[in-house]
Amino acid sequence: MTTQKPFSQSCENNKAAILEIIRSVFSQPATVWEIGSGTGQHACHFAEQLPHLHWQPTDRPENIAGIELWREDAQLSNVKPPLSLDVADPVWPCERIDALFTANTLHIMSRHEVRILFERLASYLNVDASICIYGPFNYNGAYTSDSNARFDEWLKNRDVSSGIKDFEEIMALATAIGLELQADHAMPANNRLLVLQRTS
C-alpha cells in the first residue's frame, strides 16, 4: 500500500506569493534552514524554483515521515533529508545558520516557545544571516482583520497557549539578538512576511 503524502491547501495558496519575496532575500547560494516544515510542500517548491539554495527541512518527529515522502517524490538534489527539531531542544542539529525561513509557526507556538526560538537563534545565527517569517500578526494589540480574530479564537480553543502574536513583541525579541527589520510585506489572506537580518 502506498502511503499518501500529507497535503496543506494553505501551502498551495501562499507558495507563489512567498517565493516572489524570498527569491530576492535568499539571492546568494546558502543553506536555508526551515523551522516547522510541516508537510514539506514549501521545501520542495522553493528548492525547485531556487536551485542555488540548499533547503534543510526540519520539524517535530511526527512530521518527518511526511516531509520525506515529498522529498522522495520531488527528487531534488538540493532538498536535504528532513531533521527532527523542536525549537525548545537545548541543542539544534546544526552548527551555524546563514539563512532561515519559517511559515505559519509562531501562532502555533506559545509565547514561551517563541522566546526560546529567539534565544536559540541568538546562538546559531551568523552575522548577516537573513530570516523570513511568514504568518499573521497583530499590530498595536489589534487584529488586522475579522478573519484573523476568528482564527485566533479557533487557535486558543484548540490550545490556550497558542495564538496570533503581536508584531511589536516579535520585534523586541528580534532586536534583542541583533536582528533588524528589512521589510514587512503585506501578503494574501491577511498574513505578513517579515524580513530580518542579523547585524550584530
N, C-alpha and C. Protein backbone atom coordinates (compact mmCIF):
# COMPACT_ATOMS: atom_id res chain seq x y z
N MET A 1 0.84 -1.20 0.00
CA MET A 1 0.00 0.00 0.00
C MET A 1 0.88 1.25 0.00
N THR A 2 0.59 2.18 -0.89
CA THR A 2 1.36 3.41 -0.99
C THR A 2 0.86 4.41 0.05
N THR A 3 1.79 4.96 0.81
CA THR A 3 1.44 5.97 1.80
C THR A 3 1.22 7.31 1.09
N GLN A 4 0.10 7.94 1.40
CA GLN A 4 -0.23 9.20 0.74
C GLN A 4 0.51 10.36 1.38
N LYS A 5 1.03 11.23 0.56
CA LYS A 5 1.73 12.41 1.08
C LYS A 5 0.76 13.32 1.82
N PRO A 6 1.21 13.93 2.91
CA PRO A 6 0.36 14.92 3.57
C PRO A 6 0.20 16.13 2.66
N PHE A 7 -0.89 16.86 2.83
CA PHE A 7 -1.16 18.00 1.94
C PHE A 7 -1.74 19.16 2.73
N SER A 8 -1.23 20.35 2.46
CA SER A 8 -1.74 21.57 3.07
C SER A 8 -2.22 22.51 1.97
N GLN A 9 -3.51 22.84 1.99
CA GLN A 9 -4.04 23.77 0.99
C GLN A 9 -3.46 25.16 1.16
N SER A 10 -3.20 25.55 2.41
CA SER A 10 -2.64 26.90 2.63
C SER A 10 -1.25 27.02 2.02
N CYS A 11 -0.47 25.94 2.05
CA CYS A 11 0.85 25.96 1.39
C CYS A 11 0.70 26.19 -0.11
N GLU A 12 -0.26 25.50 -0.70
CA GLU A 12 -0.50 25.68 -2.12
C GLU A 12 -0.93 27.12 -2.42
N ASN A 13 -1.75 27.67 -1.54
CA ASN A 13 -2.29 29.01 -1.77
C ASN A 13 -1.23 30.09 -1.66
N ASN A 14 -0.26 29.92 -0.74
CA ASN A 14 0.65 31.03 -0.47
C ASN A 14 2.05 30.87 -1.06
N LYS A 15 2.34 29.72 -1.66
CA LYS A 15 3.72 29.47 -2.08
C LYS A 15 4.21 30.44 -3.15
N ALA A 16 3.36 30.83 -4.07
CA ALA A 16 3.79 31.74 -5.14
C ALA A 16 4.09 33.13 -4.59
N ALA A 17 3.24 33.61 -3.70
CA ALA A 17 3.45 34.95 -3.12
C ALA A 17 4.70 34.98 -2.26
N ILE A 18 4.94 33.91 -1.51
CA ILE A 18 6.15 33.84 -0.68
C ILE A 18 7.39 33.77 -1.55
N LEU A 19 7.35 32.94 -2.58
CA LEU A 19 8.50 32.79 -3.47
C LEU A 19 8.91 34.12 -4.08
N GLU A 20 7.92 34.93 -4.43
CA GLU A 20 8.20 36.23 -5.05
C GLU A 20 9.13 37.07 -4.17
N ILE A 21 8.99 36.95 -2.86
CA ILE A 21 9.81 37.76 -1.94
C ILE A 21 11.11 37.06 -1.57
N ILE A 22 11.03 35.77 -1.22
CA ILE A 22 12.27 35.13 -0.76
C ILE A 22 13.27 34.95 -1.90
N ARG A 23 12.80 35.03 -3.14
CA ARG A 23 13.72 34.95 -4.28
C ARG A 23 14.80 36.03 -4.19
N SER A 24 14.41 37.23 -3.74
CA SER A 24 15.38 38.32 -3.63
C SER A 24 16.11 38.31 -2.28
N VAL A 25 15.44 37.83 -1.23
CA VAL A 25 16.09 37.78 0.09
C VAL A 25 17.20 36.73 0.10
N PHE A 26 16.89 35.55 -0.41
CA PHE A 26 17.87 34.46 -0.46
C PHE A 26 18.46 34.37 -1.86
N SER A 27 19.10 35.44 -2.29
CA SER A 27 19.58 35.52 -3.67
C SER A 27 20.95 34.87 -3.87
N GLN A 28 21.68 34.67 -2.76
CA GLN A 28 23.02 34.10 -2.85
C GLN A 28 23.00 32.64 -2.40
N PRO A 29 23.92 31.82 -2.93
CA PRO A 29 23.97 30.42 -2.51
C PRO A 29 24.08 30.29 -0.99
N ALA A 30 23.26 29.44 -0.41
CA ALA A 30 23.24 29.25 1.04
C ALA A 30 22.42 28.02 1.35
N THR A 31 22.54 27.54 2.58
CA THR A 31 21.63 26.53 3.10
C THR A 31 20.56 27.23 3.91
N VAL A 32 19.32 27.08 3.50
CA VAL A 32 18.19 27.69 4.21
C VAL A 32 17.62 26.65 5.18
N TRP A 33 17.65 26.98 6.45
CA TRP A 33 17.04 26.14 7.47
C TRP A 33 15.58 26.54 7.62
N GLU A 34 14.69 25.58 7.39
CA GLU A 34 13.26 25.84 7.54
C GLU A 34 12.79 25.27 8.87
N ILE A 35 12.27 26.14 9.73
CA ILE A 35 11.73 25.73 11.02
C ILE A 35 10.25 25.40 10.85
N GLY A 36 9.86 24.19 11.19
CA GLY A 36 8.46 23.81 11.07
C GLY A 36 8.05 23.59 9.63
N SER A 37 8.67 22.64 8.96
CA SER A 37 8.41 22.43 7.53
C SER A 37 7.04 21.83 7.24
N GLY A 38 6.38 21.31 8.27
CA GLY A 38 5.01 20.81 8.08
C GLY A 38 4.94 19.64 7.14
N THR A 39 4.25 19.82 6.02
CA THR A 39 4.11 18.74 5.05
C THR A 39 5.36 18.54 4.20
N GLY A 40 6.15 19.61 4.03
CA GLY A 40 7.30 19.56 3.12
C GLY A 40 7.04 20.20 1.78
N GLN A 41 5.82 20.69 1.57
CA GLN A 41 5.47 21.29 0.27
C GLN A 41 6.30 22.53 -0.02
N HIS A 42 6.43 23.41 0.96
CA HIS A 42 7.22 24.63 0.75
C HIS A 42 8.66 24.27 0.41
N ALA A 43 9.23 23.34 1.17
CA ALA A 43 10.63 22.96 0.96
C ALA A 43 10.87 22.55 -0.48
N CYS A 44 10.01 21.68 -0.99
CA CYS A 44 10.21 21.17 -2.35
C CYS A 44 9.95 22.24 -3.40
N HIS A 45 8.92 23.06 -3.21
CA HIS A 45 8.61 24.09 -4.20
C HIS A 45 9.71 25.14 -4.26
N PHE A 46 10.16 25.62 -3.11
CA PHE A 46 11.17 26.67 -3.10
C PHE A 46 12.52 26.15 -3.60
N ALA A 47 12.86 24.93 -3.23
CA ALA A 47 14.13 24.36 -3.69
C ALA A 47 14.13 24.17 -5.20
N GLU A 48 12.98 23.77 -5.76
CA GLU A 48 12.89 23.60 -7.21
C GLU A 48 13.04 24.93 -7.94
N GLN A 49 12.42 25.96 -7.38
CA GLN A 49 12.44 27.27 -8.03
C GLN A 49 13.73 28.06 -7.77
N LEU A 50 14.45 27.69 -6.73
CA LEU A 50 15.67 28.41 -6.34
C LEU A 50 16.83 27.42 -6.25
N PRO A 51 17.31 26.94 -7.40
CA PRO A 51 18.29 25.86 -7.40
C PRO A 51 19.65 26.24 -6.81
N HIS A 52 19.91 27.54 -6.61
CA HIS A 52 21.17 27.96 -6.00
C HIS A 52 21.18 27.72 -4.49
N LEU A 53 20.02 27.37 -3.92
CA LEU A 53 19.91 27.15 -2.48
C LEU A 53 19.90 25.66 -2.16
N HIS A 54 20.40 25.33 -0.98
CA HIS A 54 20.14 24.03 -0.38
C HIS A 54 19.10 24.25 0.71
N TRP A 55 18.08 23.43 0.71
CA TRP A 55 16.97 23.62 1.65
C TRP A 55 17.01 22.52 2.70
N GLN A 56 17.03 22.94 3.97
CA GLN A 56 17.07 21.98 5.08
C GLN A 56 15.74 21.99 5.82
N PRO A 57 14.86 21.02 5.52
CA PRO A 57 13.59 20.96 6.26
C PRO A 57 13.82 20.44 7.69
N THR A 58 13.06 20.99 8.63
CA THR A 58 13.07 20.48 9.99
C THR A 58 11.64 20.52 10.54
N ASP A 59 11.36 19.64 11.47
CA ASP A 59 10.07 19.67 12.15
C ASP A 59 10.14 18.70 13.32
N ARG A 60 9.05 18.67 14.07
CA ARG A 60 8.95 17.71 15.15
C ARG A 60 8.92 16.29 14.58
N PRO A 61 9.30 15.31 15.40
CA PRO A 61 9.47 13.94 14.88
C PRO A 61 8.25 13.39 14.15
N GLU A 62 7.05 13.73 14.59
CA GLU A 62 5.85 13.14 13.99
C GLU A 62 5.61 13.60 12.55
N ASN A 63 6.27 14.67 12.11
CA ASN A 63 6.07 15.19 10.75
C ASN A 63 7.18 14.80 9.78
N ILE A 64 8.24 14.17 10.27
CA ILE A 64 9.40 13.88 9.43
C ILE A 64 9.06 12.93 8.28
N ALA A 65 8.28 11.90 8.57
CA ALA A 65 7.97 10.90 7.53
C ALA A 65 7.21 11.54 6.37
N GLY A 66 6.28 12.44 6.66
CA GLY A 66 5.53 13.10 5.60
C GLY A 66 6.40 14.00 4.75
N ILE A 67 7.32 14.72 5.39
CA ILE A 67 8.25 15.58 4.64
C ILE A 67 9.11 14.72 3.72
N GLU A 68 9.55 13.58 4.23
CA GLU A 68 10.40 12.69 3.44
C GLU A 68 9.65 12.16 2.21
N LEU A 69 8.35 11.93 2.33
CA LEU A 69 7.56 11.50 1.16
C LEU A 69 7.59 12.56 0.07
N TRP A 70 7.44 13.82 0.45
CA TRP A 70 7.51 14.91 -0.53
C TRP A 70 8.90 15.00 -1.14
N ARG A 71 9.94 14.84 -0.31
CA ARG A 71 11.32 14.93 -0.80
C ARG A 71 11.62 13.80 -1.77
N GLU A 72 11.18 12.59 -1.42
CA GLU A 72 11.42 11.44 -2.31
C GLU A 72 10.71 11.63 -3.65
N ASP A 73 9.51 12.16 -3.60
CA ASP A 73 8.74 12.35 -4.83
C ASP A 73 9.34 13.44 -5.70
N ALA A 74 9.87 14.48 -5.06
CA ALA A 74 10.41 15.62 -5.82
C ALA A 74 11.74 15.30 -6.50
N GLN A 75 12.52 14.41 -5.88
CA GLN A 75 13.81 14.02 -6.46
C GLN A 75 14.70 15.24 -6.76
N LEU A 76 14.80 16.12 -5.77
CA LEU A 76 15.63 17.32 -5.92
C LEU A 76 16.90 17.17 -5.10
N SER A 77 18.04 17.37 -5.76
CA SER A 77 19.32 17.18 -5.06
C SER A 77 19.58 18.27 -4.02
N ASN A 78 18.85 19.38 -4.10
CA ASN A 78 19.11 20.48 -3.16
C ASN A 78 18.11 20.53 -2.00
N VAL A 79 17.31 19.47 -1.83
CA VAL A 79 16.50 19.33 -0.62
C VAL A 79 17.15 18.27 0.25
N LYS A 80 17.61 18.67 1.41
CA LYS A 80 18.29 17.75 2.30
C LYS A 80 17.28 16.88 3.06
N PRO A 81 17.69 15.72 3.54
CA PRO A 81 16.79 14.90 4.35
C PRO A 81 16.29 15.69 5.56
N PRO A 82 15.01 15.59 5.88
CA PRO A 82 14.47 16.36 7.00
C PRO A 82 15.07 15.94 8.33
N LEU A 83 15.27 16.92 9.19
CA LEU A 83 15.83 16.67 10.52
C LEU A 83 14.79 16.93 11.59
N SER A 84 14.82 16.13 12.63
CA SER A 84 13.93 16.32 13.77
C SER A 84 14.41 17.52 14.58
N LEU A 85 13.50 18.48 14.80
CA LEU A 85 13.86 19.68 15.57
C LEU A 85 12.62 20.27 16.21
N ASP A 86 12.68 20.42 17.50
CA ASP A 86 11.72 21.21 18.27
C ASP A 86 12.48 22.43 18.73
N VAL A 87 11.90 23.62 18.57
CA VAL A 87 12.66 24.83 18.90
C VAL A 87 13.15 24.82 20.35
N ALA A 88 12.45 24.09 21.22
CA ALA A 88 12.85 24.05 22.63
C ALA A 88 14.01 23.09 22.89
N ASP A 89 14.40 22.31 21.87
CA ASP A 89 15.55 21.42 22.06
C ASP A 89 16.76 22.23 22.51
N PRO A 90 17.47 21.80 23.54
CA PRO A 90 18.62 22.58 24.02
C PRO A 90 19.75 22.66 23.00
N VAL A 91 19.86 21.63 22.16
CA VAL A 91 20.88 21.63 21.10
C VAL A 91 20.20 21.36 19.78
N TRP A 92 20.42 22.24 18.80
CA TRP A 92 19.86 22.04 17.47
C TRP A 92 20.84 21.24 16.61
N PRO A 93 20.35 20.54 15.58
CA PRO A 93 21.22 19.69 14.75
C PRO A 93 21.98 20.48 13.69
N CYS A 94 22.60 21.58 14.12
CA CYS A 94 23.36 22.40 13.17
C CYS A 94 24.48 23.11 13.93
N GLU A 95 25.39 23.70 13.17
CA GLU A 95 26.46 24.47 13.78
C GLU A 95 26.16 25.96 13.69
N ARG A 96 26.00 26.45 12.46
CA ARG A 96 25.68 27.87 12.26
C ARG A 96 24.64 27.97 11.15
N ILE A 97 23.90 29.09 11.16
CA ILE A 97 22.83 29.29 10.18
C ILE A 97 23.03 30.64 9.48
N ASP A 98 23.02 30.59 8.14
CA ASP A 98 23.15 31.81 7.33
C ASP A 98 21.80 32.30 6.80
N ALA A 99 20.82 31.40 6.73
CA ALA A 99 19.51 31.77 6.18
C ALA A 99 18.46 30.89 6.86
N LEU A 100 17.33 31.51 7.22
CA LEU A 100 16.29 30.79 7.94
C LEU A 100 14.92 31.22 7.45
N PHE A 101 14.03 30.25 7.28
CA PHE A 101 12.66 30.50 6.84
C PHE A 101 11.71 29.76 7.76
N THR A 102 10.60 30.40 8.10
CA THR A 102 9.57 29.71 8.85
C THR A 102 8.22 30.30 8.48
N ALA A 103 7.23 29.43 8.29
CA ALA A 103 5.90 29.87 7.87
C ALA A 103 4.84 29.24 8.77
N ASN A 104 3.92 30.08 9.22
CA ASN A 104 2.76 29.62 10.00
C ASN A 104 3.17 28.77 11.20
N THR A 105 4.16 29.26 11.93
CA THR A 105 4.63 28.54 13.12
C THR A 105 4.46 29.36 14.40
N LEU A 106 4.71 30.66 14.35
CA LEU A 106 4.71 31.44 15.59
C LEU A 106 3.35 31.46 16.27
N HIS A 107 2.28 31.43 15.48
CA HIS A 107 0.95 31.44 16.11
C HIS A 107 0.57 30.06 16.67
N ILE A 108 1.28 29.02 16.26
CA ILE A 108 1.07 27.69 16.84
C ILE A 108 1.82 27.57 18.17
N MET A 109 2.95 28.26 18.27
CA MET A 109 3.77 28.20 19.48
C MET A 109 3.15 29.02 20.61
N SER A 110 3.53 28.67 21.83
CA SER A 110 3.22 29.52 22.98
C SER A 110 4.18 30.71 22.98
N ARG A 111 3.86 31.73 23.76
CA ARG A 111 4.77 32.88 23.86
C ARG A 111 6.12 32.43 24.42
N HIS A 112 6.09 31.48 25.35
CA HIS A 112 7.33 30.95 25.92
C HIS A 112 8.18 30.28 24.84
N GLU A 113 7.55 29.48 23.97
CA GLU A 113 8.29 28.81 22.90
C GLU A 113 8.86 29.82 21.91
N VAL A 114 8.13 30.89 21.64
CA VAL A 114 8.65 31.92 20.73
C VAL A 114 9.89 32.58 21.34
N ARG A 115 9.85 32.84 22.64
CA ARG A 115 11.03 33.41 23.30
C ARG A 115 12.22 32.46 23.21
N ILE A 116 11.95 31.16 23.40
CA ILE A 116 13.03 30.17 23.28
C ILE A 116 13.58 30.15 21.86
N LEU A 117 12.70 30.23 20.86
CA LEU A 117 13.15 30.27 19.46
C LEU A 117 14.19 31.36 19.26
N PHE A 118 13.90 32.56 19.73
CA PHE A 118 14.84 33.66 19.52
C PHE A 118 16.10 33.49 20.37
N GLU A 119 15.99 32.88 21.52
CA GLU A 119 17.18 32.56 22.32
C GLU A 119 18.09 31.61 21.55
N ARG A 120 17.49 30.60 20.91
CA ARG A 120 18.30 29.66 20.13
C ARG A 120 18.92 30.36 18.91
N LEU A 121 18.13 31.22 18.26
CA LEU A 121 18.67 31.94 17.10
C LEU A 121 19.85 32.80 17.49
N ALA A 122 19.85 33.33 18.71
CA ALA A 122 20.98 34.13 19.18
C ALA A 122 22.27 33.31 19.16
N SER A 123 22.15 32.01 19.40
CA SER A 123 23.32 31.13 19.43
C SER A 123 23.75 30.67 18.04
N TYR A 124 22.78 30.48 17.15
CA TYR A 124 23.08 29.80 15.88
C TYR A 124 23.20 30.71 14.67
N LEU A 125 22.61 31.90 14.70
CA LEU A 125 22.64 32.76 13.51
C LEU A 125 24.00 33.42 13.34
N ASN A 126 24.52 33.37 12.13
CA ASN A 126 25.72 34.12 11.80
C ASN A 126 25.37 35.60 11.61
N VAL A 127 26.36 36.46 11.74
CA VAL A 127 26.18 37.86 11.38
C VAL A 127 25.87 37.92 9.88
N ASP A 128 24.94 38.79 9.51
CA ASP A 128 24.43 38.95 8.15
C ASP A 128 23.43 37.86 7.76
N ALA A 129 23.10 36.95 8.67
CA ALA A 129 22.08 35.94 8.37
C ALA A 129 20.75 36.62 8.07
N SER A 130 20.03 36.07 7.09
CA SER A 130 18.71 36.58 6.71
C SER A 130 17.63 35.64 7.21
N ILE A 131 16.53 36.22 7.68
CA ILE A 131 15.41 35.44 8.21
C ILE A 131 14.13 35.92 7.55
N CYS A 132 13.27 34.97 7.17
CA CYS A 132 11.93 35.30 6.67
C CYS A 132 10.91 34.59 7.56
N ILE A 133 9.98 35.36 8.12
CA ILE A 133 8.94 34.82 8.99
C ILE A 133 7.59 35.16 8.39
N TYR A 134 6.82 34.12 8.04
CA TYR A 134 5.53 34.31 7.39
C TYR A 134 4.41 33.91 8.34
N GLY A 135 3.34 34.68 8.34
CA GLY A 135 2.17 34.34 9.13
C GLY A 135 1.39 35.57 9.53
N PRO A 136 0.33 35.39 10.32
CA PRO A 136 -0.46 36.54 10.79
C PRO A 136 0.16 37.19 12.01
N PHE A 137 0.01 38.50 12.12
CA PHE A 137 0.46 39.24 13.29
C PHE A 137 -0.57 40.28 13.66
N ASN A 138 -0.62 40.60 14.95
CA ASN A 138 -1.40 41.74 15.42
C ASN A 138 -0.49 42.96 15.49
N TYR A 139 -1.08 44.13 15.29
CA TYR A 139 -0.32 45.39 15.36
C TYR A 139 -0.99 46.30 16.38
N ASN A 140 -0.15 46.84 17.30
CA ASN A 140 -0.68 47.69 18.37
C ASN A 140 -1.78 46.98 19.15
N GLY A 141 -1.60 45.66 19.32
CA GLY A 141 -2.54 44.86 20.09
C GLY A 141 -3.87 44.59 19.42
N ALA A 142 -3.98 44.90 18.12
CA ALA A 142 -5.26 44.76 17.42
C ALA A 142 -5.14 43.80 16.24
N TYR A 143 -6.22 43.06 15.98
CA TYR A 143 -6.26 42.20 14.80
C TYR A 143 -6.30 43.04 13.54
N THR A 144 -5.73 42.51 12.47
CA THR A 144 -5.73 43.24 11.20
C THR A 144 -6.96 42.93 10.36
N SER A 145 -7.77 41.95 10.80
CA SER A 145 -8.98 41.59 10.05
C SER A 145 -9.90 40.79 10.96
N ASP A 146 -11.17 40.75 10.59
CA ASP A 146 -12.13 39.92 11.31
C ASP A 146 -11.78 38.44 11.19
N SER A 147 -11.27 38.04 10.03
CA SER A 147 -10.92 36.63 9.84
C SER A 147 -9.76 36.23 10.75
N ASN A 148 -8.80 37.14 10.97
CA ASN A 148 -7.72 36.83 11.90
C ASN A 148 -8.23 36.71 13.33
N ALA A 149 -9.19 37.54 13.69
CA ALA A 149 -9.79 37.45 15.03
C ALA A 149 -10.46 36.09 15.22
N ARG A 150 -11.19 35.64 14.20
CA ARG A 150 -11.84 34.33 14.28
C ARG A 150 -10.81 33.21 14.31
N PHE A 151 -9.75 33.35 13.54
CA PHE A 151 -8.68 32.35 13.51
C PHE A 151 -8.01 32.26 14.88
N ASP A 152 -7.77 33.40 15.51
CA ASP A 152 -7.14 33.42 16.82
C ASP A 152 -8.02 32.73 17.86
N GLU A 153 -9.32 32.96 17.76
CA GLU A 153 -10.25 32.30 18.68
C GLU A 153 -10.21 30.79 18.49
N TRP A 154 -10.16 30.35 17.23
CA TRP A 154 -10.06 28.92 16.92
C TRP A 154 -8.78 28.33 17.49
N LEU A 155 -7.65 29.05 17.31
CA LEU A 155 -6.37 28.58 17.83
C LEU A 155 -6.42 28.40 19.34
N LYS A 156 -6.96 29.38 20.03
CA LYS A 156 -6.98 29.34 21.50
C LYS A 156 -7.96 28.29 22.02
N ASN A 157 -9.02 28.03 21.28
CA ASN A 157 -9.93 26.95 21.67
C ASN A 157 -9.26 25.59 21.54
N ARG A 158 -8.37 25.48 20.58
CA ARG A 158 -7.65 24.23 20.37
C ARG A 158 -6.51 24.07 21.37
N ASP A 159 -5.80 25.18 21.62
CA ASP A 159 -4.66 25.18 22.55
C ASP A 159 -4.55 26.57 23.14
N VAL A 160 -4.89 26.69 24.41
CA VAL A 160 -5.00 28.01 25.05
C VAL A 160 -3.68 28.77 25.05
N SER A 161 -2.54 28.07 24.92
CA SER A 161 -1.24 28.74 24.95
C SER A 161 -0.81 29.27 23.58
N SER A 162 -1.55 28.90 22.52
CA SER A 162 -1.20 29.37 21.18
C SER A 162 -1.95 30.67 20.88
N GLY A 163 -1.78 31.18 19.67
CA GLY A 163 -2.49 32.39 19.27
C GLY A 163 -1.61 33.33 18.47
N ILE A 164 -2.25 34.24 17.75
CA ILE A 164 -1.53 35.23 16.93
C ILE A 164 -0.70 36.13 17.84
N LYS A 165 0.55 36.33 17.46
CA LYS A 165 1.47 37.13 18.27
C LYS A 165 1.47 38.59 17.81
N ASP A 166 1.88 39.46 18.73
CA ASP A 166 1.99 40.88 18.43
C ASP A 166 3.29 41.17 17.69
N PHE A 167 3.19 41.91 16.60
CA PHE A 167 4.37 42.33 15.84
C PHE A 167 5.40 42.99 16.74
N GLU A 168 4.94 43.86 17.63
CA GLU A 168 5.86 44.61 18.49
C GLU A 168 6.63 43.68 19.44
N GLU A 169 5.97 42.64 19.92
CA GLU A 169 6.63 41.68 20.80
C GLU A 169 7.70 40.89 20.03
N ILE A 170 7.36 40.48 18.82
CA ILE A 170 8.34 39.76 17.98
C ILE A 170 9.53 40.65 17.67
N MET A 171 9.28 41.90 17.38
CA MET A 171 10.38 42.80 17.06
C MET A 171 11.27 43.08 18.27
N ALA A 172 10.70 43.11 19.46
CA ALA A 172 11.51 43.29 20.66
C ALA A 172 12.45 42.10 20.85
N LEU A 173 11.94 40.89 20.63
CA LEU A 173 12.77 39.70 20.73
C LEU A 173 13.86 39.71 19.65
N ALA A 174 13.48 40.13 18.44
CA ALA A 174 14.43 40.16 17.33
C ALA A 174 15.54 41.19 17.58
N THR A 175 15.15 42.37 18.00
CA THR A 175 16.11 43.45 18.24
C THR A 175 17.10 43.05 19.32
N ALA A 176 16.62 42.33 20.32
CA ALA A 176 17.48 41.94 21.44
C ALA A 176 18.63 41.02 21.02
N ILE A 177 18.48 40.33 19.89
CA ILE A 177 19.57 39.45 19.43
C ILE A 177 20.25 40.01 18.17
N GLY A 178 20.08 41.30 17.92
CA GLY A 178 20.79 41.94 16.83
C GLY A 178 20.16 41.79 15.47
N LEU A 179 18.84 41.52 15.43
CA LEU A 179 18.14 41.43 14.15
C LEU A 179 17.48 42.76 13.84
N GLU A 180 17.62 43.21 12.60
CA GLU A 180 16.98 44.45 12.15
C GLU A 180 15.93 44.11 11.10
N LEU A 181 14.80 44.79 11.18
CA LEU A 181 13.73 44.60 10.20
C LEU A 181 14.12 45.23 8.88
N GLN A 182 14.13 44.43 7.83
CA GLN A 182 14.43 44.93 6.48
C GLN A 182 13.16 45.26 5.71
N ALA A 183 12.09 44.49 5.97
CA ALA A 183 10.83 44.71 5.26
C ALA A 183 9.71 43.99 6.00
N ASP A 184 8.51 44.54 5.87
CA ASP A 184 7.29 43.93 6.43
C ASP A 184 6.27 43.94 5.30
N HIS A 185 6.16 42.80 4.64
CA HIS A 185 5.34 42.70 3.43
C HIS A 185 3.92 42.26 3.76
N ALA A 186 2.94 42.97 3.22
CA ALA A 186 1.55 42.50 3.27
C ALA A 186 1.39 41.34 2.31
N MET A 187 0.75 40.27 2.79
CA MET A 187 0.59 39.06 2.00
C MET A 187 -0.90 38.71 1.87
N PRO A 188 -1.23 37.78 0.96
CA PRO A 188 -2.64 37.38 0.83
C PRO A 188 -3.19 36.79 2.13
N ALA A 189 -4.50 36.82 2.27
CA ALA A 189 -5.22 36.21 3.40
C ALA A 189 -4.80 36.81 4.74
N ASN A 190 -4.50 38.12 4.74
CA ASN A 190 -4.20 38.86 5.97
C ASN A 190 -2.98 38.33 6.71
N ASN A 191 -2.00 37.84 5.95
CA ASN A 191 -0.73 37.43 6.51
C ASN A 191 0.34 38.48 6.21
N ARG A 192 1.50 38.31 6.84
CA ARG A 192 2.63 39.20 6.63
C ARG A 192 3.86 38.33 6.36
N LEU A 193 4.87 38.93 5.76
CA LEU A 193 6.17 38.28 5.66
C LEU A 193 7.21 39.26 6.15
N LEU A 194 7.79 38.94 7.31
CA LEU A 194 8.82 39.80 7.90
C LEU A 194 10.19 39.34 7.41
N VAL A 195 10.98 40.28 6.93
CA VAL A 195 12.34 40.01 6.51
C VAL A 195 13.28 40.70 7.49
N LEU A 196 14.14 39.90 8.14
CA LEU A 196 15.06 40.43 9.12
C LEU A 196 16.48 40.02 8.77
N GLN A 197 17.44 40.81 9.24
CA GLN A 197 18.86 40.47 9.02
C GLN A 197 19.61 40.73 10.31
N ARG A 198 20.50 39.81 10.61
CA ARG A 198 21.32 39.98 11.83
C ARG A 198 22.50 40.89 11.52
N THR A 199 22.62 41.93 12.30
CA THR A 199 23.68 42.91 12.07
C THR A 199 24.73 42.89 13.17
N SER A 200 24.45 42.21 14.28
CA SER A 200 25.43 42.15 15.36
C SER A 200 25.18 40.92 16.20
